Amino acid sequence: MKALARIAACLVLCSVAGIASAAPPQCASEAVVQAKKLLTFHFGPDDRIQIDPEVKELAPIRNPADKKQQFKVLEVWGSIYKGNYRMRLIYFPMDKSCVLMGQEILELARL
């Protein structure tokens, strides 16, 4: 009976952990919008621009001006026609808003 209770408790904890990890990171919706703006800035308006809605949170980086502060780094992928681009958007979360502090774009290419 104890083994059955332990298995049930484990299943509940695993399902709760799965739900918690499924939540998008803070500033994710802003990152998707900004990624489209970044590709448009580099290549001009193009109806073939596509942005992957999946946002991956990477390890935070320290603010060079204040070592006590950390910036969130969010990775978004996008494409135009046959070109694929990795974009990293750097945010400082302030209360419920997200302040864009930096961005980088890199074309996925084998040279």
PDB file of N, CA and C in Angstrom:
ATOM      1  N   MET A   1       0.820  -1.194   0.000  1.00  0.00           N
ATOM      2  CA  MET A   1       0.000   0.000   0.000  1.00  0.00           C
ATOM      3  C   MET A   1       0.865   1.260   0.000  1.00  0.00           C
ATOM      4  N   LYS A   2       1.965   1.228   0.784  1.00  0.00           N
ATOM      5  CA  LYS A   2       2.851   2.388   0.823  1.00  0.00           C
ATOM      6  C   LYS A   2       3.482   2.627  -0.549  1.00  0.00           C
ATOM      7  N   ALA A   3       3.830   1.552  -1.228  1.00  0.00           N
ATOM      8  CA  ALA A   3       4.454   1.692  -2.551  1.00  0.00           C
ATOM      9  C   ALA A   3       3.483   2.349  -3.524  1.00  0.00           C
ATOM     10  N   LEU A   4       2.220   1.976  -3.459  1.00  0.00           N
ATOM     11  CA  LEU A   4       1.205   2.569  -4.334  1.00  0.00           C
ATOM     12  C   LEU A   4       1.032   4.061  -4.040  1.00  0.00           C
ATOM     13  N   ALA A   5       1.058   4.427  -2.771  1.00  0.00           N
ATOM     14  CA  ALA A   5       0.941   5.841  -2.388  1.00  0.00           C
ATOM     15  C   ALA A   5       2.153   6.630  -2.867  1.00  0.00           C
ATOM     16  N   ARG A   6       3.336   6.030  -2.787  1.00  0.00           N
ATOM     17  CA  ARG A   6       4.554   6.706  -3.260  1.00  0.00           C
ATOM     18  C   ARG A   6       4.512   6.911  -4.771  1.00  0.00           C
ATOM     19  N   ILE A   7       4.048   5.913  -5.482  1.00  0.00           N
ATOM     20  CA  ILE A   7       3.948   6.030  -6.942  1.00  0.00           C
ATOM     21  C   ILE A   7       2.954   7.123  -7.315  1.00  0.00           C
ATOM     22  N   ALA A   8       1.825   7.158  -6.632  1.00  0.00           N
ATOM     23  CA  ALA A   8       0.819   8.190  -6.904  1.00  0.00           C
ATOM     24  C   ALA A   8       1.378   9.578  -6.605  1.00  0.00           C
ATOM     25  N   ALA A   9       2.097   9.715  -5.496  1.00  0.00           N
ATOM     26  CA  ALA A   9       2.694  11.014  -5.149  1.00  0.00           C
ATOM     27  C   ALA A   9       3.729  11.424  -6.183  1.00  0.00           C
ATOM     28  N   CYS A  10       4.509  10.466  -6.651  1.00  0.00           N
ATOM     29  CA  CYS A  10       5.521  10.752  -7.675  1.00  0.00           C
ATOM     30  C   CYS A  10       4.863  11.221  -8.969  1.00  0.00           C
ATOM     31  N   LEU A  11       3.778  10.569  -9.365  1.00  0.00           N
ATOM     32  CA  LEU A  11       3.070  10.970 -10.582  1.00  0.00           C
ATOM     33  C   LEU A  11       2.509  12.384 -10.467  1.00  0.00           C
ATOM     34  N   VAL A  12       1.967  12.708  -9.308  1.00  0.00           N
ATOM     35  CA  VAL A  12       1.426  14.057  -9.095  1.00  0.00           C
ATOM     36  C   VAL A  12       2.541  15.089  -9.181  1.00  0.00           C
ATOM     37  N   LEU A  13       3.664  14.827  -8.521  1.00  0.00           N
ATOM     38  CA  LEU A  13       4.784  15.774  -8.542  1.00  0.00           C
ATOM     39  C   LEU A  13       5.353  15.933  -9.949  1.00  0.00           C
ATOM     40  N   CYS A  14       5.458  14.829 -10.679  1.00  0.00           N
ATOM     41  CA  CYS A  14       5.980  14.909 -12.047  1.00  0.00           C
ATOM     42  C   CYS A  14       5.049  15.704 -12.950  1.00  0.00           C
ATOM     43  N   SER A  15       3.750  15.525 -12.797  1.00  0.00           N
ATOM     44  CA  SER A  15       2.811  16.271 -13.639  1.00  0.00           C
ATOM     45  C   SER A  15       2.824  17.753 -13.292  1.00  0.00           C
ATOM     46  N   VAL A  16       2.959  18.093 -12.017  1.00  0.00           N
ATOM     47  CA  VAL A  16       3.044  19.503 -11.611  1.00  0.00           C
ATOM     48  C   VAL A  16       4.329  20.121 -12.152  1.00  0.00           C
ATOM     49  N   ALA A  17       5.431  19.396 -12.100  1.00  0.00           N
ATOM     50  CA  ALA A  17       6.699  19.911 -12.627  1.00  0.00           C
ATOM     51  C   ALA A  17       6.606  20.117 -14.131  1.00  0.00           C
ATOM     52  N   GLY A  18       5.917  19.232 -14.830  1.00  0.00           N
ATOM     53  CA  GLY A  18       5.733  19.384 -16.272  1.00  0.00           C
ATOM     54  C   GLY A  18       4.912  20.602 -16.621  1.00  0.00           C
ATOM     55  N   ILE A  19       3.883  20.875 -15.853  1.00  0.00           N
ATOM     56  CA  ILE A  19       3.047  22.060 -16.088  1.00  0.00           C
ATOM     57  C   ILE A  19       3.846  23.327 -15.807  1.00  0.00           C
ATOM     58  N   ALA A  20       4.635  23.323 -14.739  1.00  0.00           N
ATOM     59  CA  ALA A  20       5.413  24.510 -14.380  1.00  0.00           C
ATOM     60  C   ALA A  20       6.462  24.817 -15.436  1.00  0.00           C
ATOM     61  N   SER A  21       7.093  23.796 -16.011  1.00  0.00           N
ATOM     62  CA  SER A  21       8.132  24.040 -17.005  1.00  0.00           C
ATOM     63  C   SER A  21       7.547  24.421 -18.359  1.00  0.00           C
ATOM     64  N   ALA A  22       6.258  24.208 -18.565  1.00  0.00           N
ATOM     65  CA  ALA A  22       5.632  24.535 -19.840  1.00  0.00           C
ATOM     66  C   ALA A  22       5.321  26.022 -19.964  1.00  0.00           C
ATOM     67  N   ALA A  23       5.367  26.760 -18.886  1.00  0.00           N
ATOM     68  CA  ALA A  23       5.065  28.190 -18.935  1.00  0.00           C
ATOM     69  C   ALA A  23       6.173  28.922 -19.691  1.00  0.00           C
ATOM     70  N   PRO A  24       5.799  29.854 -20.563  1.00  0.00           N
ATOM     71  CA  PRO A  24       6.833  30.594 -21.300  1.00  0.00           C
ATOM     72  C   PRO A  24       7.603  31.514 -20.355  1.00  0.00           C
ATOM     73  N   PRO A  25       8.859  31.797 -20.686  1.00  0.00           N
ATOM     74  CA  PRO A  25       9.633  32.692 -19.822  1.00  0.00           C
ATOM     75  C   PRO A  25       9.086  34.114 -19.837  1.00  0.00           C
ATOM     76  N   GLN A  26       9.373  34.858 -18.777  1.00  0.00           N
ATOM     77  CA  GLN A  26       8.979  36.264 -18.722  1.00  0.00           C
ATOM     78  C   GLN A  26       9.620  36.987 -19.905  1.00  0.00           C
ATOM     79  N   CYS A  27       8.900  37.873 -20.530  1.00  0.00           N
ATOM     80  CA  CYS A  27       9.322  38.681 -21.682  1.00  0.00           C
ATOM     81  C   CYS A  27       9.278  37.898 -23.002  1.00  0.00           C
ATOM     82  N   ALA A  28       8.741  36.670 -23.013  1.00  0.00           N
ATOM     83  CA  ALA A  28       8.730  35.851 -24.227  1.00  0.00           C
ATOM     84  C   ALA A  28       7.919  36.492 -25.347  1.00  0.00           C
ATOM     85  N   SER A  29       6.746  37.011 -25.047  1.00  0.00           N
ATOM     86  CA  SER A  29       5.923  37.607 -26.109  1.00  0.00           C
ATOM     87  C   SER A  29       6.603  38.845 -26.683  1.00  0.00           C
ATOM     88  N   GLU A  30       7.255  39.636 -25.832  1.00  0.00           N
ATOM     89  CA  GLU A  30       7.995  40.803 -26.311  1.00  0.00           C
ATOM     90  C   GLU A  30       9.155  40.379 -27.206  1.00  0.00           C
ATOM     91  N   ALA A  31       9.812  39.261 -26.866  1.00  0.00           N
ATOM     92  CA  ALA A  31      10.950  38.779 -27.645  1.00  0.00           C
ATOM     93  C   ALA A  31      10.526  38.355 -29.047  1.00  0.00           C
ATOM     94  N   VAL A  32       9.376  37.712 -29.177  1.00  0.00           N
ATOM     95  CA  VAL A  32       8.893  37.293 -30.498  1.00  0.00           C
ATOM     96  C   VAL A  32       8.596  38.516 -31.363  1.00  0.00           C
ATOM     97  N   VAL A  33       7.950  39.510 -30.793  1.00  0.00           N
ATOM     98  CA  VAL A  33       7.642  40.742 -31.533  1.00  0.00           C
ATOM     99  C   VAL A  33       8.932  41.451 -31.934  1.00  0.00           C
ATOM    100  N   GLN A  34       9.884  41.538 -31.015  1.00  0.00           N
ATOM    101  CA  GLN A  34      11.144  42.226 -31.296  1.00  0.00           C
ATOM    102  C   GLN A  34      11.973  41.472 -32.329  1.00  0.00           C
ATOM    103  N   ALA A  35      11.910  40.140 -32.330  1.00  0.00           N
ATOM    104  CA  ALA A  35      12.652  39.350 -33.314  1.00  0.00           C
ATOM    105  C   ALA A  35      12.174  39.665 -34.730  1.00  0.00           C
ATOM    106  N   LYS A  36      10.875  39.797 -34.910  1.00  0.00           N
ATOM    107  CA  LYS A  36      10.348  40.164 -36.233  1.00  0.00           C
ATOM    108  C   LYS A  36      10.834  41.557 -36.631  1.00  0.00           C
ATOM    109  N   LYS A  37      10.834  42.490 -35.687  1.00  0.00           N
ATOM    110  CA  LYS A  37      11.331  43.842 -35.967  1.00  0.00           C
ATOM    111  C   LYS A  37      12.815  43.814 -36.337  1.00  0.00           C
ATOM    112  N   LEU A  38      13.582  42.955 -35.664  1.00  0.00           N
ATOM    113  CA  LEU A  38      15.017  42.869 -35.924  1.00  0.00           C
ATOM    114  C   LEU A  38      15.295  42.335 -37.328  1.00  0.00           C
ATOM    115  N   LEU A  39      14.588  41.284 -37.726  1.00  0.00           N
ATOM    116  CA  LEU A  39      14.765  40.765 -39.089  1.00  0.00           C
ATOM    117  C   LEU A  39      14.317  41.786 -40.123  1.00  0.00           C
ATOM    118  N   THR A  40      13.228  42.477 -39.864  1.00  0.00           N
ATOM    119  CA  THR A  40      12.743  43.506 -40.789  1.00  0.00           C
ATOM    120  C   THR A  40      13.749  44.646 -40.896  1.00  0.00           C
ATOM    121  N   PHE A  41      14.370  45.027 -39.797  1.00  0.00           N
ATOM    122  CA  PHE A  41      15.378  46.086 -39.813  1.00  0.00           C
ATOM    123  C   PHE A  41      16.556  45.696 -40.704  1.00  0.00           C
ATOM    124  N   HIS A  42      17.000  44.438 -40.605  1.00  0.00           N
ATOM    125  CA  HIS A  42      18.169  43.998 -41.362  1.00  0.00           C
ATOM    126  C   HIS A  42      17.872  43.740 -42.835  1.00  0.00           C
ATOM    127  N   PHE A  43      16.682  43.274 -43.153  1.00  0.00           N
ATOM    128  CA  PHE A  43      16.399  42.839 -44.522  1.00  0.00           C
ATOM    129  C   PHE A  43      15.279  43.606 -45.194  1.00  0.00           C
ATOM    130  N   GLY A  44      14.650  44.513 -44.484  1.00  0.00           N
ATOM    131  CA  GLY A  44      13.535  45.259 -45.050  1.00  0.00           C
ATOM    132  C   GLY A  44      12.246  44.460 -44.934  1.00  0.00           C
ATOM    133  N   PRO A  45      11.128  45.120 -45.220  1.00  0.00           N
ATOM    134  CA  PRO A  45       9.843  44.413 -45.127  1.00  0.00           C
ATOM    135  C   PRO A  45       9.802  43.252 -46.124  1.00  0.00           C
ATOM    136  N   ASP A  46       9.412  42.102 -45.654  1.00  0.00           N
ATOM    137  CA  ASP A  46       9.347  40.910 -46.507  1.00  0.00           C
ATOM    138  C   ASP A  46       8.269  39.999 -45.935  1.00  0.00           C
ATOM    139  N   ASP A  47       7.312  39.623 -46.763  1.00  0.00           N
ATOM    140  CA  ASP A  47       6.221  38.779 -46.262  1.00  0.00           C
ATOM    141  C   ASP A  47       6.661  37.336 -46.014  1.00  0.00           C
ATOM    142  N   ARG A  48       7.901  37.001 -46.352  1.00  0.00           N
ATOM    143  CA  ARG A  48       8.415  35.646 -46.088  1.00  0.00           C
ATOM    144  C   ARG A  48       9.072  35.527 -44.711  1.00  0.00           C
ATOM    145  N   ILE A  49       9.145  36.618 -43.961  1.00  0.00           N
ATOM    146  CA  ILE A  49       9.727  36.561 -42.611  1.00  0.00           C
ATOM    147  C   ILE A  49       8.818  35.723 -41.719  1.00  0.00           C
ATOM    148  N   GLN A  50       9.418  34.732 -41.076  1.00  0.00           N
ATOM    149  CA  GLN A  50       8.680  33.895 -40.129  1.00  0.00           C
ATOM    150  C   GLN A  50       9.470  33.813 -38.831  1.00  0.00           C
ATOM    151  N   ILE A  51       8.764  33.906 -37.730  1.00  0.00           N
ATOM    152  CA  ILE A  51       9.376  33.828 -36.403  1.00  0.00           C
ATOM    153  C   ILE A  51       8.797  32.622 -35.677  1.00  0.00           C
ATOM    154  N   ASP A  52       9.680  31.773 -35.166  1.00  0.00           N
ATOM    155  CA  ASP A  52       9.247  30.620 -34.380  1.00  0.00           C
ATOM    156  C   ASP A  52       8.691  31.131 -33.046  1.00  0.00           C
ATOM    157  N   PRO A  53       7.474  30.751 -32.677  1.00  0.00           N
ATOM    158  CA  PRO A  53       6.895  31.257 -31.421  1.00  0.00           C
ATOM    159  C   PRO A  53       7.549  30.679 -30.163  1.00  0.00           C
ATOM    160  N   GLU A  54       8.363  29.634 -30.319  1.00  0.00           N
ATOM    161  CA  GLU A  54       9.023  29.041 -29.153  1.00  0.00           C
ATOM    162  C   GLU A  54      10.194  29.929 -28.723  1.00  0.00           C
ATOM    163  N   VAL A  55      10.227  30.285 -27.463  1.00  0.00           N
ATOM    164  CA  VAL A  55      11.277  31.140 -26.908  1.00  0.00           C
ATOM    165  C   VAL A  55      12.021  30.342 -25.848  1.00  0.00           C
ATOM    166  N   LYS A  56      13.338  30.327 -25.967  1.00  0.00           N
ATOM    167  CA  LYS A  56      14.169  29.580 -25.022  1.00  0.00           C
ATOM    168  C   LYS A  56      14.917  30.566 -24.125  1.00  0.00           C
ATOM    169  N   GLU A  57      14.823  30.356 -22.824  1.00  0.00           N
ATOM    170  CA  GLU A  57      15.554  31.206 -21.887  1.00  0.00           C
ATOM    171  C   GLU A  57      16.938  30.618 -21.663  1.00  0.00           C
ATOM    172  N   LEU A  58      17.960  31.425 -21.888  1.00  0.00           N
ATOM    173  CA  LEU A  58      19.344  31.008 -21.690  1.00  0.00           C
ATOM    174  C   LEU A  58      19.837  31.513 -20.334  1.00  0.00           C
ATOM    175  N   ALA A  59      21.076  31.210 -20.021  1.00  0.00           N
ATOM    176  CA  ALA A  59      21.653  31.667 -18.754  1.00  0.00           C
ATOM    177  C   ALA A  59      21.689  33.195 -18.729  1.00  0.00           C
ATOM    178  N   PRO A  60      21.367  33.795 -17.598  1.00  0.00           N
ATOM    179  CA  PRO A  60      21.393  35.262 -17.521  1.00  0.00           C
ATOM    180  C   PRO A  60      22.823  35.785 -17.590  1.00  0.00           C
ATOM    181  N   ILE A  61      22.948  37.065 -17.955  1.00  0.00           N
ATOM    182  CA  ILE A  61      24.257  37.721 -17.957  1.00  0.00           C
ATOM    183  C   ILE A  61      24.207  38.903 -16.993  1.00  0.00           C
ATOM    184  N   ARG A  62      25.355  39.261 -16.478  1.00  0.00           N
ATOM    185  CA  ARG A  62      25.429  40.378 -15.533  1.00  0.00           C
ATOM    186  C   ARG A  62      25.447  41.705 -16.276  1.00  0.00           C
ATOM    187  N   ASN A  63      24.844  42.690 -15.647  1.00  0.00           N
ATOM    188  CA  ASN A  63      24.876  44.048 -16.171  1.00  0.00           C
ATOM    189  C   ASN A  63      26.298  44.580 -15.987  1.00  0.00           C
ATOM    190  N   PRO A  64      26.996  44.972 -17.065  1.00  0.00           N
ATOM    191  CA  PRO A  64      28.370  45.453 -16.903  1.00  0.00           C
ATOM    192  C   PRO A  64      28.461  46.736 -16.071  1.00  0.00           C
ATOM    193  N   ALA A  65      27.381  47.506 -16.005  1.00  0.00           N
ATOM    194  CA  ALA A  65      27.384  48.753 -15.238  1.00  0.00           C
ATOM    195  C   ALA A  65      27.048  48.537 -13.762  1.00  0.00           C
ATOM    196  N   ASP A  66      26.430  47.395 -13.442  1.00  0.00           N
ATOM    197  CA  ASP A  66      26.051  47.098 -12.060  1.00  0.00           C
ATOM    198  C   ASP A  66      26.056  45.585 -11.885  1.00  0.00           C
ATOM    199  N   LYS A  67      27.121  45.073 -11.305  1.00  0.00           N
ATOM    200  CA  LYS A  67      27.312  43.618 -11.192  1.00  0.00           C
ATOM    201  C   LYS A  67      26.231  42.930 -10.360  1.00  0.00           C
ATOM    202  N   LYS A  68      25.451  43.686  -9.606  1.00  0.00           N
ATOM    203  CA  LYS A  68      24.382  43.084  -8.802  1.00  0.00           C
ATOM    204  C   LYS A  68      23.150  42.771  -9.646  1.00  0.00           C
ATOM    205  N   GLN A  69      23.048  43.393 -10.813  1.00  0.00           N
ATOM    206  CA  GLN A  69      21.877  43.185 -11.673  1.00  0.00           C
ATOM    207  C   GLN A  69      22.176  42.127 -12.733  1.00  0.00           C
ATOM    208  N   GLN A  70      21.127  41.414 -13.121  1.00  0.00           N
ATOM    209  CA  GLN A  70      21.258  40.419 -14.178  1.00  0.00           C
ATOM    210  C   GLN A  70      20.244  40.699 -15.272  1.00  0.00           C
ATOM    211  N   PHE A  71      20.637  40.385 -16.493  1.00  0.00           N
ATOM    212  CA  PHE A  71      19.754  40.508 -17.645  1.00  0.00           C
ATOM    213  C   PHE A  71      19.294  39.124 -18.065  1.00  0.00           C
ATOM    214  N   LYS A  72      18.045  39.029 -18.499  1.00  0.00           N
ATOM    215  CA  LYS A  72      17.518  37.787 -19.070  1.00  0.00           C
ATOM    216  C   LYS A  72      17.963  37.706 -20.524  1.00  0.00           C
ATOM    217  N   VAL A  73      18.345  36.518 -20.968  1.00  0.00           N
ATOM    218  CA  VAL A  73      18.712  36.298 -22.362  1.00  0.00           C
ATOM    219  C   VAL A  73      17.707  35.312 -22.947  1.00  0.00           C
ATOM    220  N   LEU A  74      16.977  35.757 -23.974  1.00  0.00           N
ATOM    221  CA  LEU A  74      15.968  34.922 -24.616  1.00  0.00           C
ATOM    222  C   LEU A  74      16.385  34.661 -26.056  1.00  0.00           C
ATOM    223  N   GLU A  75      16.291  33.398 -26.460  1.00  0.00           N
ATOM    224  CA  GLU A  75      16.681  33.000 -27.814  1.00  0.00           C
ATOM    225  C   GLU A  75      15.436  32.715 -28.646  1.00  0.00           C
ATOM    226  N   VAL A  76      15.403  33.313 -29.829  1.00  0.00           N
ATOM    227  CA  VAL A  76      14.286  33.152 -30.756  1.00  0.00           C
ATOM    228  C   VAL A  76      14.880  32.838 -32.124  1.00  0.00           C
ATOM    229  N   TRP A  77      14.239  31.933 -32.859  1.00  0.00           N
ATOM    230  CA  TRP A  77      14.682  31.607 -34.216  1.00  0.00           C
ATOM    231  C   TRP A  77      13.704  32.188 -35.222  1.00  0.00           C
ATOM    232  N   GLY A  78      14.256  32.607 -36.349  1.00  0.00           N
ATOM    233  CA  GLY A  78      13.432  33.143 -37.419  1.00  0.00           C
ATOM    234  C   GLY A  78      14.013  32.753 -38.767  1.00  0.00           C
ATOM    235  N   SER A  79      13.248  33.001 -39.815  1.00  0.00           N
ATOM    236  CA  SER A  79      13.719  32.663 -41.158  1.00  0.00           C
ATOM    237  C   SER A  79      13.138  33.627 -42.181  1.00  0.00           C
ATOM    238  N   ILE A  80      13.876  33.746 -43.273  1.00  0.00           N
ATOM    239  CA  ILE A  80      13.403  34.450 -44.459  1.00  0.00           C
ATOM    240  C   ILE A  80      13.789  33.568 -45.634  1.00  0.00           C
ATOM    241  N   TYR A  81      12.810  33.119 -46.372  1.00  0.00           N
ATOM    242  CA  TYR A  81      13.022  32.239 -47.518  1.00  0.00           C
ATOM    243  C   TYR A  81      13.861  31.047 -47.081  1.00  0.00           C
ATOM    244  N   LYS A  82      15.133  30.947 -47.498  1.00  0.00           N
ATOM    245  CA  LYS A  82      15.964  29.802 -47.120  1.00  0.00           C
ATOM    246  C   LYS A  82      16.961  30.125 -46.005  1.00  0.00           C
ATOM    247  N   GLY A  83      16.979  31.358 -45.535  1.00  0.00           N
ATOM    248  CA  GLY A  83      17.915  31.752 -44.480  1.00  0.00           C
ATOM    249  C   GLY A  83      17.315  31.573 -43.100  1.00  0.00           C
ATOM    250  N   ASN A  84      18.089  30.979 -42.194  1.00  0.00           N
ATOM    251  CA  ASN A  84      17.669  30.795 -40.802  1.00  0.00           C
ATOM    252  C   ASN A  84      18.537  31.669 -39.906  1.00  0.00           C
ATOM    253  N   TYR A  85      17.907  32.284 -38.912  1.00  0.00           N
ATOM    254  CA  TYR A  85      18.594  33.249 -38.063  1.00  0.00           C
ATOM    255  C   TYR A  85      18.293  32.983 -36.596  1.00  0.00           C
ATOM    256  N   ARG A  86      19.372  33.007 -35.801  1.00  0.00           N
ATOM    257  CA  ARG A  86      19.231  32.898 -34.349  1.00  0.00           C
ATOM    258  C   ARG A  86      19.341  34.306 -33.778  1.00  0.00           C
ATOM    259  N   MET A  87      18.361  34.670 -32.982  1.00  0.00           N
ATOM    260  CA  MET A  87      18.371  35.988 -32.361  1.00  0.00           C
ATOM    261  C   MET A  87      18.357  35.822 -30.852  1.00  0.00           C
ATOM    262  N   ARG A  88      19.203  36.580 -30.208  1.00  0.00           N
ATOM    263  CA  ARG A  88      19.232  36.601 -28.747  1.00  0.00           C
ATOM    264  C   ARG A  88      18.874  38.007 -28.304  1.00  0.00           C
ATOM    265  N   LEU A  89      17.836  38.084 -27.508  1.00  0.00           N
ATOM    266  CA  LEU A  89      17.327  39.367 -27.034  1.00  0.00           C
ATOM    267  C   LEU A  89      17.584  39.455 -25.533  1.00  0.00           C
ATOM    268  N   ILE A  90      18.147  40.558 -25.114  1.00  0.00           N
ATOM    269  CA  ILE A  90      18.576  40.736 -23.732  1.00  0.00           C
ATOM    270  C   ILE A  90      17.644  41.740 -23.055  1.00  0.00           C
ATOM    271  N   TYR A  91      17.005  41.286 -21.987  1.00  0.00           N
ATOM    272  CA  TYR A  91      15.996  42.096 -21.295  1.00  0.00           C
ATOM    273  C   TYR A  91      16.346  42.275 -19.825  1.00  0.00           C
ATOM    274  N   PHE A  92      15.914  43.420 -19.299  1.00  0.00           N
ATOM    275  CA  PHE A  92      15.911  43.629 -17.855  1.00  0.00           C
ATOM    276  C   PHE A  92      14.456  43.650 -17.427  1.00  0.00           C
ATOM    277  N   PRO A  93      14.010  42.622 -16.696  1.00  0.00           N
ATOM    278  CA  PRO A  93      12.613  42.614 -16.254  1.00  0.00           C
ATOM    279  C   PRO A  93      12.419  43.604 -15.105  1.00  0.00           C
ATOM    280  N   MET A  94      11.505  44.537 -15.309  1.00  0.00           N
ATOM    281  CA  MET A  94      11.235  45.553 -14.296  1.00  0.00           C
ATOM    282  C   MET A  94       9.751  45.498 -13.963  1.00  0.00           C
ATOM    283  N   ASP A  95       9.436  45.023 -12.776  1.00  0.00           N
ATOM    284  CA  ASP A  95       8.050  44.802 -12.369  1.00  0.00           C
ATOM    285  C   ASP A  95       7.378  43.898 -13.395  1.00  0.00           C
ATOM    286  N   LYS A  96       6.347  44.396 -14.073  1.00  0.00           N
ATOM    287  CA  LYS A  96       5.647  43.580 -15.070  1.00  0.00           C
ATOM    288  C   LYS A  96       6.046  43.937 -16.495  1.00  0.00           C
ATOM    289  N   SER A  97       6.985  44.861 -16.646  1.00  0.00           N
ATOM    290  CA  SER A  97       7.419  45.243 -17.993  1.00  0.00           C
ATOM    291  C   SER A  97       8.817  44.695 -18.256  1.00  0.00           C
ATOM    292  N   CYS A  98       9.197  44.686 -19.522  1.00  0.00           N
ATOM    293  CA  CYS A  98      10.493  44.178 -19.939  1.00  0.00           C
ATOM    294  C   CYS A  98      11.216  45.272 -20.714  1.00  0.00           C
ATOM    295  N   VAL A  99      12.414  45.616 -20.273  1.00  0.00           N
ATOM    296  CA  VAL A  99      13.195  46.663 -20.916  1.00  0.00           C
ATOM    297  C   VAL A  99      14.247  45.999 -21.796  1.00  0.00           C
ATOM    298  N   LEU A 100      14.175  46.242 -23.110  1.00  0.00           N
ATOM    299  CA  LEU A 100      15.139  45.680 -24.048  1.00  0.00           C
ATOM    300  C   LEU A 100      16.478  46.386 -23.866  1.00  0.00           C
ATOM    301  N   MET A 101      17.525  45.618 -23.562  1.00  0.00           N
ATOM    302  CA  MET A 101      18.848  46.192 -23.318  1.00  0.00           C
ATOM    303  C   MET A 101      19.824  45.899 -24.453  1.00  0.00           C
ATOM    304  N   GLY A 102      19.573  44.850 -25.217  1.00  0.00           N
ATOM    305  CA  GLY A 102      20.480  44.500 -26.306  1.00  0.00           C
ATOM    306  C   GLY A 102      19.893  43.391 -27.147  1.00  0.00           C
ATOM    307  N   GLN A 103      20.492  43.209 -28.329  1.00  0.00           N
ATOM    308  CA  GLN A 103      20.024  42.148 -29.222  1.00  0.00           C
ATOM    309  C   GLN A 103      21.156  41.755 -30.154  1.00  0.00           C
ATOM    310  N   GLU A 104      21.145  40.495 -30.557  1.00  0.00           N
ATOM    311  CA  GLU A 104      22.115  40.028 -31.543  1.00  0.00           C
ATOM    312  C   GLU A 104      21.403  39.125 -32.528  1.00  0.00           C
ATOM    313  N   ILE A 105      21.929  39.089 -33.741  1.00  0.00           N
ATOM    314  CA  ILE A 105      21.366  38.239 -34.778  1.00  0.00           C
ATOM    315  C   ILE A 105      22.524  37.530 -35.466  1.00  0.00           C
ATOM    316  N   LEU A 106      22.345  36.250 -35.731  1.00  0.00           N
ATOM    317  CA  LEU A 106      23.387  35.458 -36.362  1.00  0.00           C
ATOM    318  C   LEU A 106      22.740  34.538 -37.389  1.00  0.00           C
ATOM    319  N   GLU A 107      23.246  34.583 -38.615  1.00  0.00           N
ATOM    320  CA  GLU A 107      22.716  33.693 -39.650  1.00  0.00           C
ATOM    321  C   GLU A 107      23.317  32.313 -39.462  1.00  0.00           C
ATOM    322  N   LEU A 108      22.481  31.304 -39.563  1.00  0.00           N
ATOM    323  CA  LEU A 108      22.930  29.924 -39.469  1.00  0.00           C
ATOM    324  C   LEU A 108      23.503  29.549 -40.830  1.00  0.00           C
ATOM    325  N   ALA A 109      24.819  29.384 -40.900  1.00  0.00           N
ATOM    326  CA  ALA A 109      25.455  29.107 -42.190  1.00  0.00           C
ATOM    327  C   ALA A 109      26.708  28.270 -41.988  1.00  0.00           C
ATOM    328  N   ARG A 110      26.961  27.410 -42.942  1.00  0.00           N
ATOM    329  CA  ARG A 110      28.201  26.638 -42.964  1.00  0.00           C
ATOM    330  C   ARG A 110      29.053  27.227 -44.080  1.00  0.00           C
ATOM    331  N   LEU A 111      30.206  27.766 -43.723  1.00  0.00           N
ATOM    332  CA  LEU A 111      31.061  28.446 -44.706  1.00  0.00           C
ATOM    333  C   LEU A 111      32.223  27.581 -45.129  1.00  0.00           C
TER     334      LEU A 111
END
